[in-house]
Protein backbone atom coordinates (compact mmCIF):
# COMPACT_ATOMS: atom_id res chain seq x y z
CA MET A 1 178.73 162.13 -6.60
CA TYR A 2 175.59 160.52 -5.14
CA LEU A 3 175.08 159.82 -1.49
CA PHE A 4 172.56 159.41 1.26
CA ILE A 5 171.85 161.61 4.23
CA GLY A 6 172.55 159.89 7.53
CA GLY A 7 169.31 159.52 9.43
CA PHE A 8 167.15 160.08 6.34
CA LYS A 9 165.19 157.01 5.30
CA GLY A 10 165.26 155.80 1.74
CA GLY A 11 168.72 157.15 0.85
CA LYS A 12 167.74 160.35 -0.93
CA ASN A 13 170.14 161.27 -3.71
CA VAL A 14 172.10 164.39 -2.93
CA ILE A 15 175.06 165.88 -4.79
CA ILE A 16 177.98 167.51 -2.98
CA GLU A 17 179.60 170.45 -4.78
CA PRO A 18 182.55 172.57 -3.69
CA HIS A 19 181.58 176.10 -2.66
CA ARG A 20 183.73 178.92 -4.03
CA HIS A 21 185.24 179.23 -0.52
CA GLU A 22 187.79 176.43 -0.46
CA GLY A 23 187.02 173.85 2.23
CA VAL A 24 183.28 174.67 2.22
CA PHE A 25 180.71 172.60 0.28
CA ILE A 26 177.07 172.67 -0.76
CA ALA A 27 174.84 169.61 -0.50
CA ARG A 28 172.28 169.87 -3.29
CA GLY A 29 169.11 167.90 -2.76
CA LYS A 30 165.48 168.65 -2.05
CA GLU A 31 166.82 171.61 -0.07
CA ASP A 32 170.37 172.90 -0.45
CA ALA A 33 172.56 172.98 2.65
CA LEU A 34 175.97 174.42 3.47
CA VAL A 35 178.28 171.63 4.70
CA THR A 36 181.86 170.99 5.79
CA LEU A 37 183.90 167.77 5.55
CA ASN A 38 183.72 166.14 8.99
CA MET A 39 187.22 165.84 10.44
CA VAL A 40 185.90 163.30 12.97
CA PRO A 41 183.56 161.00 11.01
CA GLY A 42 180.78 159.46 13.06
CA GLU A 43 180.65 162.37 15.51
CA ALA A 44 178.23 165.30 15.58
CA VAL A 45 179.31 168.30 17.67
CA TYR A 46 176.01 170.05 18.46
CA GLY A 47 173.33 167.70 17.13
CA GLU A 48 173.77 168.80 13.50
CA LYS A 49 172.72 166.55 10.60
CA ARG A 50 175.45 164.57 8.89
CA ILE A 51 175.65 163.40 5.28
CA SER A 52 177.45 160.20 4.33
CA VAL A 53 179.04 159.81 0.90
CA GLU A 54 179.96 156.47 -0.62
CA ASP A 55 183.22 156.98 -2.48
CA GLY A 56 184.22 153.52 -3.73
CA GLU A 57 185.25 151.56 -0.63
CA ASN A 58 185.40 154.67 1.57
CA LYS A 59 182.68 156.67 3.24
CA ILE A 60 183.10 160.41 3.48
CA GLU A 61 181.01 162.36 5.95
CA TYR A 62 179.90 166.00 5.81
CA ARG A 63 178.23 168.07 8.55
CA VAL A 64 175.41 170.51 7.86
CA TRP A 65 176.41 174.09 8.82
CA ASN A 66 173.35 175.94 10.12
CA PRO A 67 173.39 179.72 9.39
CA PHE A 68 170.90 180.35 12.21
CA ARG A 69 173.49 179.00 14.67
CA SER A 70 176.66 180.39 13.11
CA LYS A 71 177.45 183.98 12.07
CA LEU A 72 180.17 182.75 9.73
CA ALA A 73 177.76 180.39 7.93
CA ALA A 74 175.26 183.28 7.71
CA ALA A 75 177.95 185.49 6.14
CA ILE A 76 178.89 182.78 3.61
CA LEU A 77 175.25 182.27 2.59
CA GLY A 78 174.86 186.06 2.53
CA GLY A 79 177.51 186.16 -0.21
CA VAL A 80 180.58 187.43 1.66
CA ASP A 81 183.41 187.79 -0.85
CA GLN A 82 186.23 186.34 1.27
CA ILE A 83 186.51 184.51 4.60
CA TYR A 84 190.31 184.06 4.50
CA MET A 85 190.07 180.60 6.03
CA SER A 86 190.99 177.68 3.80
CA PRO A 87 192.72 174.31 4.17
CA GLY A 88 196.02 174.82 6.00
CA SER A 89 195.12 178.24 7.47
CA LYS A 90 195.99 179.23 11.03
CA VAL A 91 193.07 181.05 12.65
CA LEU A 92 192.74 182.83 16.01
CA TYR A 93 189.07 182.57 16.99
CA LEU A 94 187.96 185.02 19.71
CA GLY A 95 184.66 184.26 21.42
CA ALA A 96 184.63 180.53 20.72
CA ALA A 97 181.65 179.80 23.06
CA SER A 98 180.86 176.05 23.08
CA GLY A 99 182.55 175.59 19.72
CA THR A 100 179.67 175.32 17.23
CA THR A 101 181.31 177.50 14.57
CA VAL A 102 184.83 176.59 15.73
CA SER A 103 184.08 172.96 14.82
CA HIS A 104 183.24 173.96 11.23
CA VAL A 105 186.34 176.17 10.98
CA SER A 106 188.28 173.11 12.19
CA ASP A 107 186.74 171.12 9.29
CA VAL A 108 187.58 173.90 6.80
CA VAL A 109 191.24 174.37 7.77
CA GLY A 110 191.69 170.61 8.07
CA PRO A 111 194.55 168.59 9.58
CA GLU A 112 197.21 170.94 8.18
CA GLY A 113 195.53 174.01 9.72
CA LEU A 114 195.11 175.24 13.30
CA VAL A 115 192.35 176.99 15.23
CA TYR A 116 193.33 178.77 18.44
CA ALA A 117 189.93 179.05 20.16
CA VAL A 118 189.68 181.64 22.96
CA GLU A 119 186.68 181.59 25.33
CA PHE A 120 186.38 183.24 28.75
CA SER A 121 183.32 181.38 30.08
CA HIS A 122 184.32 178.22 31.93
CA ARG A 123 180.95 176.62 31.24
CA SER A 124 181.29 177.01 27.46
CA GLY A 125 184.97 176.23 27.81
CA ARG A 126 184.20 172.74 29.09
CA ASP A 127 182.41 171.88 25.83
CA LEU A 128 185.28 173.41 23.87
CA LEU A 129 187.87 171.34 25.77
CA ASN A 130 185.89 168.13 25.20
CA MET A 131 185.57 168.83 21.48
CA ALA A 132 189.29 169.59 21.18
CA LYS A 133 190.14 166.14 22.57
CA LYS A 134 188.91 164.66 19.29
CA ARG A 135 189.78 167.54 16.96
CA THR A 136 193.53 167.80 17.15
CA ASN A 137 193.70 171.03 15.11
CA ILE A 138 191.83 173.02 17.82
CA ILE A 139 193.84 174.56 20.66
CA PRO A 140 191.33 175.65 23.32
CA ILE A 141 192.31 178.65 25.47
CA ILE A 142 190.08 179.48 28.44
CA GLU A 143 191.09 183.12 28.89
CA ASP A 144 189.81 186.67 28.53
CA ALA A 145 190.47 187.91 24.98
CA ARG A 146 191.07 191.37 26.49
CA HIS A 147 194.40 190.07 27.84
CA PRO A 148 196.26 188.40 24.96
CA HIS A 149 199.54 188.58 26.88
CA LYS A 150 198.15 185.81 29.12
CA TYR A 151 198.09 183.33 26.23
CA ARG A 152 200.98 184.66 24.15
CA MET A 153 203.01 181.51 24.88
CA LEU A 154 200.25 179.28 23.44
CA VAL A 155 199.52 181.07 20.18
CA GLY A 156 201.78 181.39 17.14
CA MET A 157 201.40 183.90 14.30
CA VAL A 158 198.12 183.46 12.46
CA ASP A 159 196.77 184.18 8.98
CA THR A 160 193.32 185.29 10.17
CA VAL A 161 191.62 186.60 13.31
CA PHE A 162 187.90 185.82 13.63
CA ALA A 163 185.96 187.59 16.41
CA ASP A 164 182.48 187.14 17.79
CA VAL A 165 182.92 188.42 21.35
CA ALA A 166 179.75 190.59 21.62
CA GLN A 167 181.48 193.17 23.85
CA PRO A 168 181.29 196.98 23.61
CA ASP A 169 185.10 197.17 23.25
CA GLN A 170 185.28 194.45 20.60
CA ALA A 171 187.26 196.63 18.13
CA ARG A 172 189.95 197.19 20.78
CA ILE A 173 190.02 193.46 21.62
CA VAL A 174 190.57 192.59 17.94
CA ALA A 175 193.26 195.26 17.56
CA LEU A 176 195.16 194.02 20.65
CA ASN A 177 195.11 190.40 19.52
CA SER A 178 196.11 191.39 15.99
CA GLN A 179 199.15 193.29 17.33
CA TYR A 180 200.26 190.11 19.12
CA PHE A 181 199.38 187.37 16.67
CA LEU A 182 198.21 188.52 13.20
CA LYS A 183 200.83 188.60 10.49
CA ASN A 184 201.21 191.82 8.49
CA GLY A 185 198.95 191.51 5.47
CA GLY A 186 196.84 188.95 7.39
CA HIS A 187 193.07 189.28 7.59
CA PHE A 188 190.30 189.74 10.12
CA VAL A 189 186.64 188.72 10.11
CA ILE A 190 184.50 190.36 12.81
CA SER A 191 180.87 189.77 13.67
CA ILE A 192 179.34 192.95 15.13
CA LYS A 193 176.11 192.87 17.13
CA ALA A 194 174.87 196.48 17.14
CA SER A 195 172.96 196.27 20.44
CA CYS A 196 176.08 195.06 22.31
CA ILE A 197 177.92 198.23 21.38
CA ASP A 198 175.13 200.82 21.62
CA SER A 199 171.53 199.72 22.07
CA THR A 200 170.22 203.28 21.50
CA ALA A 201 171.84 204.00 18.10
CA GLN A 202 170.77 202.86 14.64
CA PRO A 203 172.64 199.66 13.68
CA GLU A 204 174.09 201.32 10.53
CA ALA A 205 175.59 204.11 12.69
CA VAL A 206 177.09 201.55 15.10
CA PHE A 207 178.66 199.58 12.23
CA ALA A 208 180.14 202.78 10.74
CA SER A 209 181.61 203.83 14.08
CA GLU A 210 183.16 200.37 14.62
CA VAL A 211 184.75 200.52 11.17
CA LYS A 212 186.35 203.88 12.12
CA LYS A 213 187.80 202.35 15.31
CA LEU A 214 189.27 199.47 13.29
CA GLN A 215 190.85 201.84 10.76
CA ALA A 216 192.52 203.76 13.60
CA ASP A 217 194.26 200.52 14.63
CA LYS A 218 195.62 199.66 11.16
CA LEU A 219 192.79 197.19 10.52
CA LYS A 220 191.60 198.15 7.05
CA PRO A 221 188.02 197.01 6.31
CA GLN A 222 187.43 195.78 2.77
CA GLU A 223 183.88 194.45 2.99
CA GLN A 224 180.81 194.69 5.20
CA ILE A 225 177.61 192.65 4.96
CA THR A 226 174.55 192.34 7.19
CA LEU A 227 173.36 188.91 8.30
CA GLU A 228 169.64 189.13 7.53
CA PRO A 229 167.59 186.95 7.41
CA TYR A 230 169.63 184.82 9.82
CA GLU A 231 170.45 187.45 12.46
CA ARG A 232 168.91 190.87 13.08
CA ASP A 233 171.10 193.96 13.44
CA HIS A 234 174.35 192.07 12.90
CA ALA A 235 177.09 192.81 10.39
CA VAL A 236 180.26 190.97 9.45
CA VAL A 237 183.25 193.14 8.55
CA VAL A 238 186.20 191.60 6.69
CA GLY A 239 189.51 193.30 6.06
CA VAL A 240 193.30 193.31 6.02
CA TYR A 241 195.82 194.13 8.78
CA ARG A 242 198.75 196.45 8.07
CA PRO A 243 198.65 195.91 4.31
CA PRO A 244 202.04 196.31 2.61
CA PRO A 245 202.54 199.81 1.13
CA LYS A 246 201.63 200.09 -2.55
CA SER A 247 204.73 200.43 -4.68
CA LYS A 248 205.01 203.77 -6.42
CA GLY A 249 206.06 202.13 -9.65
CA GLY A 250 202.95 199.87 -9.72
């Protein structure tokens, strides 16, 4: 499939390939880029580059997903095994900020999926609310993720909880929200910034201690990767919530 990059002169040939994570793509050209299929063609969310594809009569548009601005993109490019977000998924996103990454998750889960986006800051929340006017699969919630009971009437059961709240009690926040909204056998993806939890300890020690806290709350980590070279002293931990007991006969 050949296409041109919007805003690039001369219509450089680029090929779009599906990434192994369903709903994520790679644009192969002079430089490769991670991209998602734009749910709102013609609109950028945060000034990102867009790539237009001629597909017969139709034009398809992709948005470049910058790993320096998104921990999830950094984890994907870092080779994370699973993100547990695919077309049709329901995701609870804690720490949505202005919605940079949320917009790409919205692209990934598509019109059949849902993203419940929780953000406490009213300033960031304004951007989130504006974006959600055009992206009907985002439900913005301007609330403190420490108090999930306040938004329990807005959020249904979800397949995956993603968290990037950069708070010392992040593990507890994820556990509380999982108890309310994450289905048994559902998954979590957490971005941990070591200095937010303990600025005096070695990052590896902070990550290990966070993993212990998660395990105590029935959140079973399966994978951990650091986000270099995109972020320093960050890790993403992926795992499963209340996995079903293994059958003795198996």
